[in-house]
Amino acid sequence: IGVSFLLENLATYLFTGVPKGFPELPILTHIIHVGEVFFPVVSIITPVITIILLVALLYIVNHTKVGMAMRAVSKDYETARLMGVKINWVIAVTFAIGSLLASVGAIFWGSKYPSIYP
């Protein structure tokens, strides 16, 4: 517990306690008016993009050679290697897809919550 307090206060001292803002994307900062109800664009676009990315990911995993290789590597690493699957390449592609999805999520999160409190 003491080390936790030390690290927290050290970070506050080094980075100051002032909130820092993210750069805003102009397209995501608009607000849509429907009657007397206001909707931020980011709240509408986020679920739509999420569903599109989910469908794309399911298509990649279930209907492409890369997806077949990913499933083979996850099922049995050695057998996939013996069948000629390039294991390191499949792992790299998997991490690249995961990083892409994480970056899209970070963009939407940063647009919805535009500042961070150290």
PDB file of N, CA and C in Angstrom:
ATOM      1  N   ILE A   1       0.839  -1.183   0.000  1.00  0.00           N
ATOM      2  CA  ILE A   1       0.000   0.000   0.000  1.00  0.00           C
ATOM      3  C   ILE A   1       0.882   1.245   0.000  1.00  0.00           C
ATOM      4  N   GLY A   2       1.943   1.201   0.760  1.00  0.00           N
ATOM      5  CA  GLY A   2       2.847   2.340   0.837  1.00  0.00           C
ATOM      6  C   GLY A   2       3.511   2.634  -0.498  1.00  0.00           C
ATOM      7  N   VAL A   3       3.921   1.584  -1.199  1.00  0.00           N
ATOM      8  CA  VAL A   3       4.555   1.768  -2.510  1.00  0.00           C
ATOM      9  C   VAL A   3       3.544   2.353  -3.497  1.00  0.00           C
ATOM     10  N   SER A   4       2.301   1.933  -3.389  1.00  0.00           N
ATOM     11  CA  SER A   4       1.253   2.468  -4.252  1.00  0.00           C
ATOM     12  C   SER A   4       1.091   3.971  -4.041  1.00  0.00           C
ATOM     13  N   PHE A   5       1.034   4.396  -2.782  1.00  0.00           N
ATOM     14  CA  PHE A   5       0.931   5.832  -2.489  1.00  0.00           C
ATOM     15  C   PHE A   5       2.162   6.581  -2.987  1.00  0.00           C
ATOM     16  N   LEU A   6       3.329   5.980  -2.813  1.00  0.00           N
ATOM     17  CA  LEU A   6       4.562   6.614  -3.266  1.00  0.00           C
ATOM     18  C   LEU A   6       4.541   6.823  -4.782  1.00  0.00           C
ATOM     19  N   LEU A   7       4.191   5.792  -5.528  1.00  0.00           N
ATOM     20  CA  LEU A   7       4.157   5.892  -6.988  1.00  0.00           C
ATOM     21  C   LEU A   7       3.094   6.885  -7.462  1.00  0.00           C
ATOM     22  N   GLU A   8       1.947   6.870  -6.804  1.00  0.00           N
ATOM     23  CA  GLU A   8       0.879   7.790  -7.187  1.00  0.00           C
ATOM     24  C   GLU A   8       1.299   9.244  -6.962  1.00  0.00           C
ATOM     25  N   ASN A   9       1.866   9.528  -5.806  1.00  0.00           N
ATOM     26  CA  ASN A   9       2.283  10.895  -5.510  1.00  0.00           C
ATOM     27  C   ASN A   9       3.492  11.314  -6.342  1.00  0.00           C
ATOM     28  N   LEU A  10       4.381  10.377  -6.642  1.00  0.00           N
ATOM     29  CA  LEU A  10       5.518  10.683  -7.503  1.00  0.00           C
ATOM     30  C   LEU A  10       5.039  11.052  -8.911  1.00  0.00           C
ATOM     31  N   ALA A  11       4.073  10.300  -9.423  1.00  0.00           N
ATOM     32  CA  ALA A  11       3.517  10.608 -10.745  1.00  0.00           C
ATOM     33  C   ALA A  11       2.817  11.963 -10.732  1.00  0.00           C
ATOM     34  N   THR A  12       2.097  12.265  -9.665  1.00  0.00           N
ATOM     35  CA  THR A  12       1.431  13.565  -9.559  1.00  0.00           C
ATOM     36  C   THR A  12       2.455  14.692  -9.512  1.00  0.00           C
ATOM     37  N   TYR A  13       3.551  14.477  -8.814  1.00  0.00           N
ATOM     38  CA  TYR A  13       4.601  15.496  -8.723  1.00  0.00           C
ATOM     39  C   TYR A  13       5.291  15.701 -10.073  1.00  0.00           C
ATOM     40  N   LEU A  14       5.604  14.600 -10.758  1.00  0.00           N
ATOM     41  CA  LEU A  14       6.333  14.691 -12.025  1.00  0.00           C
ATOM     42  C   LEU A  14       5.479  15.262 -13.159  1.00  0.00           C
ATOM     43  N   PHE A  15       4.223  14.843 -13.236  1.00  0.00           N
ATOM     44  CA  PHE A  15       3.374  15.220 -14.365  1.00  0.00           C
ATOM     45  C   PHE A  15       2.361  16.305 -14.015  1.00  0.00           C
ATOM     46  N   THR A  16       2.420  16.825 -12.824  1.00  0.00           N
ATOM     47  CA  THR A  16       1.486  17.814 -12.269  1.00  0.00           C
ATOM     48  C   THR A  16       0.074  17.238 -12.191  1.00  0.00           C
ATOM     49  N   GLY A  17      -0.744  17.830 -11.380  1.00  0.00           N
ATOM     50  CA  GLY A  17      -2.108  17.347 -11.191  1.00  0.00           C
ATOM     51  C   GLY A  17      -3.107  18.014 -12.114  1.00  0.00           C
ATOM     52  N   VAL A  18      -2.618  18.742 -13.109  1.00  0.00           N
ATOM     53  CA  VAL A  18      -3.491  19.471 -14.027  1.00  0.00           C
ATOM     54  C   VAL A  18      -3.984  18.519 -15.119  1.00  0.00           C
ATOM     55  N   PRO A  19      -5.289  18.507 -15.385  1.00  0.00           N
ATOM     56  CA  PRO A  19      -5.798  17.649 -16.461  1.00  0.00           C
ATOM     57  C   PRO A  19      -5.183  18.023 -17.807  1.00  0.00           C
ATOM     58  N   LYS A  20      -4.916  17.015 -18.606  1.00  0.00           N
ATOM     59  CA  LYS A  20      -4.342  17.231 -19.937  1.00  0.00           C
ATOM     60  C   LYS A  20      -5.369  16.776 -20.974  1.00  0.00           C
ATOM     61  N   GLY A  21      -5.520  17.582 -22.007  1.00  0.00           N
ATOM     62  CA  GLY A  21      -6.514  17.277 -23.024  1.00  0.00           C
ATOM     63  C   GLY A  21      -5.935  16.524 -24.203  1.00  0.00           C
ATOM     64  N   PHE A  22      -6.791  15.742 -24.842  1.00  0.00           N
ATOM     65  CA  PHE A  22      -6.430  15.062 -26.080  1.00  0.00           C
ATOM     66  C   PHE A  22      -6.763  15.987 -27.251  1.00  0.00           C
ATOM     67  N   PRO A  23      -6.061  15.850 -28.359  1.00  0.00           N
ATOM     68  CA  PRO A  23      -6.475  16.606 -29.542  1.00  0.00           C
ATOM     69  C   PRO A  23      -7.853  16.112 -30.005  1.00  0.00           C
ATOM     70  N   GLU A  24      -8.698  17.025 -30.399  1.00  0.00           N
ATOM     71  CA  GLU A  24     -10.059  16.655 -30.787  1.00  0.00           C
ATOM     72  C   GLU A  24     -10.154  16.432 -32.293  1.00  0.00           C
ATOM     73  N   LEU A  25     -10.940  15.447 -32.669  1.00  0.00           N
ATOM     74  CA  LEU A  25     -11.243  15.222 -34.080  1.00  0.00           C
ATOM     75  C   LEU A  25     -12.498  16.020 -34.417  1.00  0.00           C
ATOM     76  N   PRO A  26     -12.416  16.950 -35.359  1.00  0.00           N
ATOM     77  CA  PRO A  26     -13.558  17.833 -35.633  1.00  0.00           C
ATOM     78  C   PRO A  26     -14.848  17.095 -35.979  1.00  0.00           C
ATOM     79  N   ILE A  27     -14.736  15.977 -36.692  1.00  0.00           N
ATOM     80  CA  ILE A  27     -15.949  15.270 -37.110  1.00  0.00           C
ATOM     81  C   ILE A  27     -16.671  14.628 -35.920  1.00  0.00           C
ATOM     82  N   LEU A  28     -15.938  14.302 -34.865  1.00  0.00           N
ATOM     83  CA  LEU A  28     -16.548  13.624 -33.722  1.00  0.00           C
ATOM     84  C   LEU A  28     -17.030  14.580 -32.636  1.00  0.00           C
ATOM     85  N   THR A  29     -16.782  15.869 -32.784  1.00  0.00           N
ATOM     86  CA  THR A  29     -17.174  16.814 -31.740  1.00  0.00           C
ATOM     87  C   THR A  29     -18.515  17.488 -32.019  1.00  0.00           C
ATOM     88  N   HIS A  30     -19.111  17.221 -33.168  1.00  0.00           N
ATOM     89  CA  HIS A  30     -20.401  17.834 -33.494  1.00  0.00           C
ATOM     90  C   HIS A  30     -21.511  17.248 -32.633  1.00  0.00           C
ATOM     91  N   ILE A  31     -22.595  17.996 -32.529  1.00  0.00           N
ATOM     92  CA  ILE A  31     -23.769  17.545 -31.785  1.00  0.00           C
ATOM     93  C   ILE A  31     -24.965  17.602 -32.728  1.00  0.00           C
ATOM     94  N   ILE A  32     -25.758  16.531 -32.732  1.00  0.00           N
ATOM     95  CA  ILE A  32     -26.944  16.452 -33.582  1.00  0.00           C
ATOM     96  C   ILE A  32     -28.163  16.806 -32.735  1.00  0.00           C
ATOM     97  N   HIS A  33     -29.012  17.685 -33.266  1.00  0.00           N
ATOM     98  CA  HIS A  33     -30.236  18.097 -32.577  1.00  0.00           C
ATOM     99  C   HIS A  33     -31.426  17.386 -33.216  1.00  0.00           C
ATOM    100  N   VAL A  34     -32.172  16.636 -32.414  1.00  0.00           N
ATOM    101  CA  VAL A  34     -33.402  16.004 -32.875  1.00  0.00           C
ATOM    102  C   VAL A  34     -34.502  16.485 -31.937  1.00  0.00           C
ATOM    103  N   GLY A  35     -35.250  17.460 -32.391  1.00  0.00           N
ATOM    104  CA  GLY A  35     -36.249  18.065 -31.512  1.00  0.00           C
ATOM    105  C   GLY A  35     -35.538  18.779 -30.373  1.00  0.00           C
ATOM    106  N   GLU A  36     -35.856  18.371 -29.165  1.00  0.00           N
ATOM    107  CA  GLU A  36     -35.195  18.955 -27.999  1.00  0.00           C
ATOM    108  C   GLU A  36     -34.124  18.040 -27.417  1.00  0.00           C
ATOM    109  N   VAL A  37     -33.792  17.001 -28.141  1.00  0.00           N
ATOM    110  CA  VAL A  37     -32.788  16.038 -27.680  1.00  0.00           C
ATOM    111  C   VAL A  37     -31.484  16.297 -28.432  1.00  0.00           C
ATOM    112  N   PHE A  38     -30.385  16.244 -27.698  1.00  0.00           N
ATOM    113  CA  PHE A  38     -29.064  16.476 -28.278  1.00  0.00           C
ATOM    114  C   PHE A  38     -28.255  15.184 -28.215  1.00  0.00           C
ATOM    115  N   PHE A  39     -27.674  14.789 -29.340  1.00  0.00           N
ATOM    116  CA  PHE A  39     -26.845  13.595 -29.418  1.00  0.00           C
ATOM    117  C   PHE A  39     -25.448  13.975 -29.880  1.00  0.00           C
ATOM    118  N   PRO A  40     -24.413  13.661 -29.095  1.00  0.00           N
ATOM    119  CA  PRO A  40     -23.055  13.839 -29.618  1.00  0.00           C
ATOM    120  C   PRO A  40     -22.811  12.831 -30.746  1.00  0.00           C
ATOM    121  N   VAL A  41     -22.159  13.261 -31.797  1.00  0.00           N
ATOM    122  CA  VAL A  41     -21.894  12.392 -32.948  1.00  0.00           C
ATOM    123  C   VAL A  41     -21.099  11.160 -32.526  1.00  0.00           C
ATOM    124  N   VAL A  42     -20.173  11.337 -31.590  1.00  0.00           N
ATOM    125  CA  VAL A  42     -19.344  10.207 -31.160  1.00  0.00           C
ATOM    126  C   VAL A  42     -20.197   9.111 -30.522  1.00  0.00           C
ATOM    127  N   SER A  43     -21.293   9.479 -29.861  1.00  0.00           N
ATOM    128  CA  SER A  43     -22.169   8.477 -29.245  1.00  0.00           C
ATOM    129  C   SER A  43     -22.967   7.701 -30.281  1.00  0.00           C
ATOM    130  N   ILE A  44     -23.133   8.260 -31.460  1.00  0.00           N
ATOM    131  CA  ILE A  44     -23.850   7.568 -32.530  1.00  0.00           C
ATOM    132  C   ILE A  44     -22.882   6.761 -33.392  1.00  0.00           C
ATOM    133  N   ILE A  45     -21.726   7.329 -33.687  1.00  0.00           N
ATOM    134  CA  ILE A  45     -20.762   6.667 -34.571  1.00  0.00           C
ATOM    135  C   ILE A  45     -20.089   5.474 -33.890  1.00  0.00           C
ATOM    136  N   THR A  46     -19.838   5.561 -32.589  1.00  0.00           N
ATOM    137  CA  THR A  46     -19.105   4.500 -31.891  1.00  0.00           C
ATOM    138  C   THR A  46     -19.773   3.132 -32.027  1.00  0.00           C
ATOM    139  N   PRO A  47     -21.075   2.969 -31.721  1.00  0.00           N
ATOM    140  CA  PRO A  47     -21.670   1.637 -31.891  1.00  0.00           C
ATOM    141  C   PRO A  47     -21.709   1.178 -33.346  1.00  0.00           C
ATOM    142  N   VAL A  48     -21.897   2.112 -34.271  1.00  0.00           N
ATOM    143  CA  VAL A  48     -21.945   1.742 -35.690  1.00  0.00           C
ATOM    144  C   VAL A  48     -20.585   1.213 -36.147  1.00  0.00           C
ATOM    145  N   ILE A  49     -19.526   1.933 -35.835  1.00  0.00           N
ATOM    146  CA  ILE A  49     -18.176   1.496 -36.212  1.00  0.00           C
ATOM    147  C   ILE A  49     -17.817   0.196 -35.497  1.00  0.00           C
ATOM    148  N   THR A  50     -18.243   0.054 -34.249  1.00  0.00           N
ATOM    149  CA  THR A  50     -17.973  -1.173 -33.498  1.00  0.00           C
ATOM    150  C   THR A  50     -18.605  -2.376 -34.181  1.00  0.00           C
ATOM    151  N   ILE A  51     -19.846  -2.249 -34.602  1.00  0.00           N
ATOM    152  CA  ILE A  51     -20.526  -3.358 -35.283  1.00  0.00           C
ATOM    153  C   ILE A  51     -19.847  -3.666 -36.617  1.00  0.00           C
ATOM    154  N   ILE A  52     -19.470  -2.633 -37.358  1.00  0.00           N
ATOM    155  CA  ILE A  52     -18.780  -2.847 -38.639  1.00  0.00           C
ATOM    156  C   ILE A  52     -17.456  -3.578 -38.424  1.00  0.00           C
ATOM    157  N   LEU A  53     -16.688  -3.151 -37.423  1.00  0.00           N
ATOM    158  CA  LEU A  53     -15.405  -3.807 -37.145  1.00  0.00           C
ATOM    159  C   LEU A  53     -15.597  -5.236 -36.647  1.00  0.00           C
ATOM    160  N   LEU A  54     -16.656  -5.475 -35.879  1.00  0.00           N
ATOM    161  CA  LEU A  54     -16.941  -6.828 -35.404  1.00  0.00           C
ATOM    162  C   LEU A  54     -17.262  -7.753 -36.570  1.00  0.00           C
ATOM    163  N   VAL A  55     -18.091  -7.288 -37.486  1.00  0.00           N
ATOM    164  CA  VAL A  55     -18.432  -8.093 -38.663  1.00  0.00           C
ATOM    165  C   VAL A  55     -17.187  -8.340 -39.513  1.00  0.00           C
ATOM    166  N   ALA A  56     -16.350  -7.315 -39.679  1.00  0.00           N
ATOM    167  CA  ALA A  56     -15.115  -7.481 -40.454  1.00  0.00           C
ATOM    168  C   ALA A  56     -14.184  -8.486 -39.786  1.00  0.00           C
ATOM    169  N   LEU A  57     -14.065  -8.412 -38.466  1.00  0.00           N
ATOM    170  CA  LEU A  57     -13.208  -9.359 -37.747  1.00  0.00           C
ATOM    171  C   LEU A  57     -13.738 -10.782 -37.872  1.00  0.00           C
ATOM    172  N   LEU A  58     -15.044 -10.957 -37.733  1.00  0.00           N
ATOM    173  CA  LEU A  58     -15.627 -12.292 -37.897  1.00  0.00           C
ATOM    174  C   LEU A  58     -15.399 -12.821 -39.306  1.00  0.00           C
ATOM    175  N   TYR A  59     -15.516 -11.952 -40.303  1.00  0.00           N
ATOM    176  CA  TYR A  59     -15.263 -12.375 -41.677  1.00  0.00           C
ATOM    177  C   TYR A  59     -13.808 -12.797 -41.852  1.00  0.00           C
ATOM    178  N   ILE A  60     -12.888 -11.995 -41.324  1.00  0.00           N
ATOM    179  CA  ILE A  60     -11.459 -12.320 -41.452  1.00  0.00           C
ATOM    180  C   ILE A  60     -11.153 -13.653 -40.793  1.00  0.00           C
ATOM    181  N   VAL A  61     -11.652 -13.854 -39.589  1.00  0.00           N
ATOM    182  CA  VAL A  61     -11.325 -15.074 -38.843  1.00  0.00           C
ATOM    183  C   VAL A  61     -11.976 -16.306 -39.465  1.00  0.00           C
ATOM    184  N   ASN A  62     -13.191 -16.179 -39.981  1.00  0.00           N
ATOM    185  CA  ASN A  62     -13.922 -17.359 -40.442  1.00  0.00           C
ATOM    186  C   ASN A  62     -13.873 -17.614 -41.945  1.00  0.00           C
ATOM    187  N   HIS A  63     -13.459 -16.633 -42.761  1.00  0.00           N
ATOM    188  CA  HIS A  63     -13.582 -16.812 -44.207  1.00  0.00           C
ATOM    189  C   HIS A  63     -12.335 -16.461 -45.006  1.00  0.00           C
ATOM    190  N   THR A  64     -11.190 -16.301 -44.375  1.00  0.00           N
ATOM    191  CA  THR A  64      -9.967 -16.003 -45.122  1.00  0.00           C
ATOM    192  C   THR A  64      -8.876 -17.004 -44.755  1.00  0.00           C
ATOM    193  N   LYS A  65      -7.844 -17.043 -45.594  1.00  0.00           N
ATOM    194  CA  LYS A  65      -6.717 -17.930 -45.304  1.00  0.00           C
ATOM    195  C   LYS A  65      -5.987 -17.501 -44.039  1.00  0.00           C
ATOM    196  N   VAL A  66      -5.904 -16.190 -43.831  1.00  0.00           N
ATOM    197  CA  VAL A  66      -5.263 -15.691 -42.606  1.00  0.00           C
ATOM    198  C   VAL A  66      -6.051 -16.156 -41.391  1.00  0.00           C
ATOM    199  N   GLY A  67      -7.367 -16.065 -41.470  1.00  0.00           N
ATOM    200  CA  GLY A  67      -8.207 -16.512 -40.364  1.00  0.00           C
ATOM    201  C   GLY A  67      -8.073 -18.004 -40.117  1.00  0.00           C
ATOM    202  N   MET A  68      -7.987 -18.776 -41.205  1.00  0.00           N
ATOM    203  CA  MET A  68      -7.802 -20.215 -41.048  1.00  0.00           C
ATOM    204  C   MET A  68      -6.466 -20.506 -40.373  1.00  0.00           C
ATOM    205  N   ALA A  69      -5.439 -19.771 -40.767  1.00  0.00           N
ATOM    206  CA  ALA A  69      -4.128 -19.949 -40.138  1.00  0.00           C
ATOM    207  C   ALA A  69      -4.172 -19.538 -38.671  1.00  0.00           C
ATOM    208  N   MET A  70      -4.893 -18.462 -38.359  1.00  0.00           N
ATOM    209  CA  MET A  70      -5.017 -18.030 -36.963  1.00  0.00           C
ATOM    210  C   MET A  70      -5.706 -19.104 -36.127  1.00  0.00           C
ATOM    211  N   ARG A  71      -6.777 -19.671 -36.674  1.00  0.00           N
ATOM    212  CA  ARG A  71      -7.483 -20.726 -35.943  1.00  0.00           C
ATOM    213  C   ARG A  71      -6.619 -21.968 -35.791  1.00  0.00           C
ATOM    214  N   ALA A  72      -5.846 -22.300 -36.822  1.00  0.00           N
ATOM    215  CA  ALA A  72      -4.969 -23.473 -36.744  1.00  0.00           C
ATOM    216  C   ALA A  72      -3.888 -23.277 -35.690  1.00  0.00           C
ATOM    217  N   VAL A  73      -3.289 -22.099 -35.659  1.00  0.00           N
ATOM    218  CA  VAL A  73      -2.234 -21.824 -34.677  1.00  0.00           C
ATOM    219  C   VAL A  73      -2.803 -21.836 -33.269  1.00  0.00           C
ATOM    220  N   SER A  74      -4.006 -21.296 -33.094  1.00  0.00           N
ATOM    221  CA  SER A  74      -4.586 -21.274 -31.749  1.00  0.00           C
ATOM    222  C   SER A  74      -4.999 -22.666 -31.294  1.00  0.00           C
ATOM    223  N   LYS A  75      -5.362 -23.526 -32.237  1.00  0.00           N
ATOM    224  CA  LYS A  75      -5.792 -24.884 -31.885  1.00  0.00           C
ATOM    225  C   LYS A  75      -4.602 -25.770 -31.521  1.00  0.00           C
ATOM    226  N   ASP A  76      -3.599 -25.811 -32.400  1.00  0.00           N
ATOM    227  CA  ASP A  76      -2.435 -26.661 -32.151  1.00  0.00           C
ATOM    228  C   ASP A  76      -1.223 -26.057 -32.861  1.00  0.00           C
ATOM    229  N   TYR A  77      -0.382 -25.443 -32.086  1.00  0.00           N
ATOM    230  CA  TYR A  77       0.794 -24.720 -32.575  1.00  0.00           C
ATOM    231  C   TYR A  77       1.707 -25.634 -33.397  1.00  0.00           C
ATOM    232  N   GLU A  78       2.052 -26.777 -32.867  1.00  0.00           N
ATOM    233  CA  GLU A  78       3.007 -27.681 -33.530  1.00  0.00           C
ATOM    234  C   GLU A  78       2.444 -28.267 -34.821  1.00  0.00           C
ATOM    235  N   THR A  79       1.197 -28.685 -34.803  1.00  0.00           N
ATOM    236  CA  THR A  79       0.601 -29.249 -36.009  1.00  0.00           C
ATOM    237  C   THR A  79       0.511 -28.198 -37.112  1.00  0.00           C
ATOM    238  N   ALA A  80       0.155 -26.983 -36.749  1.00  0.00           N
ATOM    239  CA  ALA A  80       0.096 -25.905 -37.743  1.00  0.00           C
ATOM    240  C   ALA A  80       1.478 -25.660 -38.339  1.00  0.00           C
ATOM    241  N   ARG A  81       2.509 -25.689 -37.509  1.00  0.00           N
ATOM    242  CA  ARG A  81       3.874 -25.497 -38.003  1.00  0.00           C
ATOM    243  C   ARG A  81       4.257 -26.620 -38.956  1.00  0.00           C
ATOM    244  N   LEU A  82       3.900 -27.854 -38.608  1.00  0.00           N
ATOM    245  CA  LEU A  82       4.220 -28.996 -39.467  1.00  0.00           C
ATOM    246  C   LEU A  82       3.450 -28.965 -40.789  1.00  0.00           C
ATOM    247  N   MET A  83       2.287 -28.321 -40.796  1.00  0.00           N
ATOM    248  CA  MET A  83       1.485 -28.216 -42.017  1.00  0.00           C
ATOM    249  C   MET A  83       1.938 -27.062 -42.909  1.00  0.00           C
ATOM    250  N   GLY A  84       2.956 -26.316 -42.481  1.00  0.00           N
ATOM    251  CA  GLY A  84       3.517 -25.259 -43.313  1.00  0.00           C
ATOM    252  C   GLY A  84       3.024 -23.857 -43.006  1.00  0.00           C
ATOM    253  N   VAL A  85       2.296 -23.706 -41.916  1.00  0.00           N
ATOM    254  CA  VAL A  85       1.823 -22.368 -41.542  1.00  0.00           C
ATOM    255  C   VAL A  85       2.995 -21.592 -40.950  1.00  0.00           C
ATOM    256  N   LYS A  86       3.176 -20.368 -41.408  1.00  0.00           N
ATOM    257  CA  LYS A  86       4.245 -19.516 -40.875  1.00  0.00           C
ATOM    258  C   LYS A  86       3.762 -18.921 -39.551  1.00  0.00           C
ATOM    259  N   ILE A  87       4.159 -19.560 -38.469  1.00  0.00           N
ATOM    260  CA  ILE A  87       3.656 -19.227 -37.139  1.00  0.00           C
ATOM    261  C   ILE A  87       3.956 -17.778 -36.770  1.00  0.00           C
ATOM    262  N   ASN A  88       5.187 -17.350 -36.955  1.00  0.00           N
ATOM    263  CA  ASN A  88       5.561 -15.986 -36.565  1.00  0.00           C
ATOM    264  C   ASN A  88       4.784 -14.940 -37.361  1.00  0.00           C
ATOM    265  N   TRP A  89       4.543 -15.210 -38.634  1.00  0.00           N
ATOM    266  CA  TRP A  89       3.771 -14.290 -39.456  1.00  0.00           C
ATOM    267  C   TRP A  89       2.325 -14.209 -38.964  1.00  0.00           C
ATOM    268  N   VAL A  90       1.739 -15.346 -38.633  1.00  0.00           N
ATOM    269  CA  VAL A  90       0.356 -15.372 -38.140  1.00  0.00           C
ATOM    270  C   VAL A  90       0.249 -14.619 -36.818  1.00  0.00           C
ATOM    271  N   ILE A  91       1.215 -14.816 -35.939  1.00  0.00           N
ATOM    272  CA  ILE A  91       1.205 -14.104 -34.658  1.00  0.00           C
ATOM    273  C   ILE A  91       1.345 -12.605 -34.892  1.00  0.00           C
ATOM    274  N   ALA A  92       2.210 -12.203 -35.821  1.00  0.00           N
ATOM    275  CA  ALA A  92       2.387 -10.778 -36.123  1.00  0.00           C
ATOM    276  C   ALA A  92       1.104 -10.173 -36.687  1.00  0.00           C
ATOM    277  N   VAL A  93       0.439 -10.881 -37.587  1.00  0.00           N
ATOM    278  CA  VAL A  93      -0.817 -10.385 -38.155  1.00  0.00           C
ATOM    279  C   VAL A  93      -1.886 -10.280 -37.074  1.00  0.00           C
ATOM    280  N   THR A  94      -1.935 -11.264 -36.190  1.00  0.00           N
ATOM    281  CA  THR A  94      -2.910 -11.233 -35.096  1.00  0.00           C
ATOM    282  C   THR A  94      -2.679 -10.031 -34.195  1.00  0.00           C
ATOM    283  N   PHE A  95      -1.431  -9.768 -33.846  1.00  0.00           N
ATOM    284  CA  PHE A  95      -1.123  -8.602 -33.020  1.00  0.00           C
ATOM    285  C   PHE A  95      -1.422  -7.305 -33.769  1.00  0.00           C
ATOM    286  N   ALA A  96      -1.186  -7.273 -35.069  1.00  0.00           N
ATOM    287  CA  ALA A  96      -1.489  -6.069 -35.854  1.00  0.00           C
ATOM    288  C   ALA A  96      -2.991  -5.796 -35.866  1.00  0.00           C
ATOM    289  N   ILE A  97      -3.790  -6.831 -36.039  1.00  0.00           N
ATOM    290  CA  ILE A  97      -5.249  -6.661 -36.019  1.00  0.00           C
ATOM    291  C   ILE A  97      -5.703  -6.193 -34.639  1.00  0.00           C
ATOM    292  N   GLY A  98      -5.169  -6.805 -33.595  1.00  0.00           N
ATOM    293  CA  GLY A  98      -5.514  -6.388 -32.234  1.00  0.00           C
ATOM    294  C   GLY A  98      -5.107  -4.952 -31.954  1.00  0.00           C
ATOM    295  N   SER A  99      -3.943  -4.553 -32.443  1.00  0.00           N
ATOM    296  CA  SER A  99      -3.482  -3.172 -32.249  1.00  0.00           C
ATOM    297  C   SER A  99      -4.362  -2.188 -33.004  1.00  0.00           C
ATOM    298  N   LEU A 100      -4.781  -2.556 -34.200  1.00  0.00           N
ATOM    299  CA  LEU A 100      -5.680  -1.701 -34.971  1.00  0.00           C
ATOM    300  C   LEU A 100      -6.999  -1.500 -34.231  1.00  0.00           C
ATOM    301  N   LEU A 101      -7.565  -2.585 -33.719  1.00  0.00           N
ATOM    302  CA  LEU A 101      -8.828  -2.479 -32.990  1.00  0.00           C
ATOM    303  C   LEU A 101      -8.666  -1.660 -31.715  1.00  0.00           C
ATOM    304  N   ALA A 102      -7.548  -1.834 -31.021  1.00  0.00           N
ATOM    305  CA  ALA A 102      -7.296  -1.056 -29.805  1.00  0.00           C
ATOM    306  C   ALA A 102      -7.136   0.424 -30.121  1.00  0.00           C
ATOM    307  N   SER A 103      -6.484   0.742 -31.235  1.00  0.00           N
ATOM    308  CA  SER A 103      -6.300   2.156 -31.582  1.00  0.00           C
ATOM    309  C   SER A 103      -7.623   2.811 -31.966  1.00  0.00           C
ATOM    310  N   VAL A 104      -8.488   2.094 -32.655  1.00  0.00           N
ATOM    311  CA  VAL A 104      -9.810   2.644 -32.980  1.00  0.00           C
ATOM    312  C   VAL A 104     -10.600   2.881 -31.694  1.00  0.00           C
ATOM    313  N   GLY A 105     -10.538   1.920 -30.777  1.00  0.00           N
ATOM    314  CA  GLY A 105     -11.204   2.102 -29.486  1.00  0.00           C
ATOM    315  C   GLY A 105     -10.649   3.285 -28.718  1.00  0.00           C
ATOM    316  N   ALA A 106      -9.342   3.473 -28.761  1.00  0.00           N
ATOM    317  CA  ALA A 106      -8.720   4.604 -28.059  1.00  0.00           C
ATOM    318  C   ALA A 106      -9.133   5.934 -28.675  1.00  0.00           C
ATOM    319  N   ILE A 107      -9.274   5.972 -29.988  1.00  0.00           N
ATOM    320  CA  ILE A 107      -9.717   7.207 -30.647  1.00  0.00           C
ATOM    321  C   ILE A 107     -11.124   7.577 -30.189  1.00  0.00           C
ATOM    322  N   PHE A 108     -12.021   6.598 -30.158  1.00  0.00           N
ATOM    323  CA  PHE A 108     -13.388   6.896 -29.728  1.00  0.00           C
ATOM    324  C   PHE A 108     -13.455   7.216 -28.244  1.00  0.00           C
ATOM    325  N   TRP A 109     -12.677   6.516 -27.437  1.00  0.00           N
ATOM    326  CA  TRP A 109     -12.657   6.813 -25.999  1.00  0.00           C
ATOM    327  C   TRP A 109     -12.122   8.217 -25.760  1.00  0.00           C
ATOM    328  N   GLY A 110     -11.048   8.569 -26.457  1.00  0.00           N
ATOM    329  CA  GLY A 110     -10.473   9.899 -26.311  1.00  0.00           C
ATOM    330  C   GLY A 110     -11.399  10.992 -26.803  1.00  0.00           C
ATOM    331  N   SER A 111     -12.258  10.680 -27.777  1.00  0.00           N
ATOM    332  CA  SER A 111     -13.215  11.669 -28.260  1.00  0.00           C
ATOM    333  C   SER A 111     -14.372  11.853 -27.286  1.00  0.00           C
ATOM    334  N   LYS A 112     -14.737  10.786 -26.604  1.00  0.00           N
ATOM    335  CA  LYS A 112     -15.843  10.880 -25.641  1.00  0.00           C
ATOM    336  C   LYS A 112     -15.386  11.509 -24.329  1.00  0.00           C
ATOM    337  N   TYR A 113     -14.173  11.177 -23.882  1.00  0.00           N
ATOM    338  CA  TYR A 113     -13.613  11.718 -22.643  1.00  0.00           C
ATOM    339  C   TYR A 113     -12.328  12.460 -23.007  1.00  0.00           C
ATOM    340  N   PRO A 114     -12.413  13.746 -23.368  1.00  0.00           N
ATOM    341  CA  PRO A 114     -11.285  14.440 -23.991  1.00  0.00           C
ATOM    342  C   PRO A 114     -10.159  14.880 -23.063  1.00  0.00           C
ATOM    343  N   SER A 115     -10.183  14.510 -21.810  1.00  0.00           N
ATOM    344  CA  SER A 115      -9.058  14.890 -20.947  1.00  0.00           C
ATOM    345  C   SER A 115      -8.732  13.759 -19.994  1.00  0.00           C
ATOM    346  N   ILE A 116      -7.494  13.765 -19.538  1.00  0.00           N
ATOM    347  CA  ILE A 116      -7.026  12.737 -18.614  1.00  0.00           C
ATOM    348  C   ILE A 116      -6.511  13.426 -17.361  1.00  0.00           C
ATOM    349  N   TYR A 117      -6.809  12.831 -16.246  1.00  0.00           N
ATOM    350  CA  TYR A 117      -6.379  13.383 -14.964  1.00  0.00           C
ATOM    351  C   TYR A 117      -5.253  12.523 -14.421  1.00  0.00           C
ATOM    352  N   PRO A 118      -4.039  13.055 -14.387  1.00  0.00           N
ATOM    353  CA  PRO A 118      -2.907  12.233 -13.924  1.00  0.00           C
ATOM    354  C   PRO A 118      -3.008  11.862 -12.457  1.00  0.00           C
TER     355      PRO A 118
END
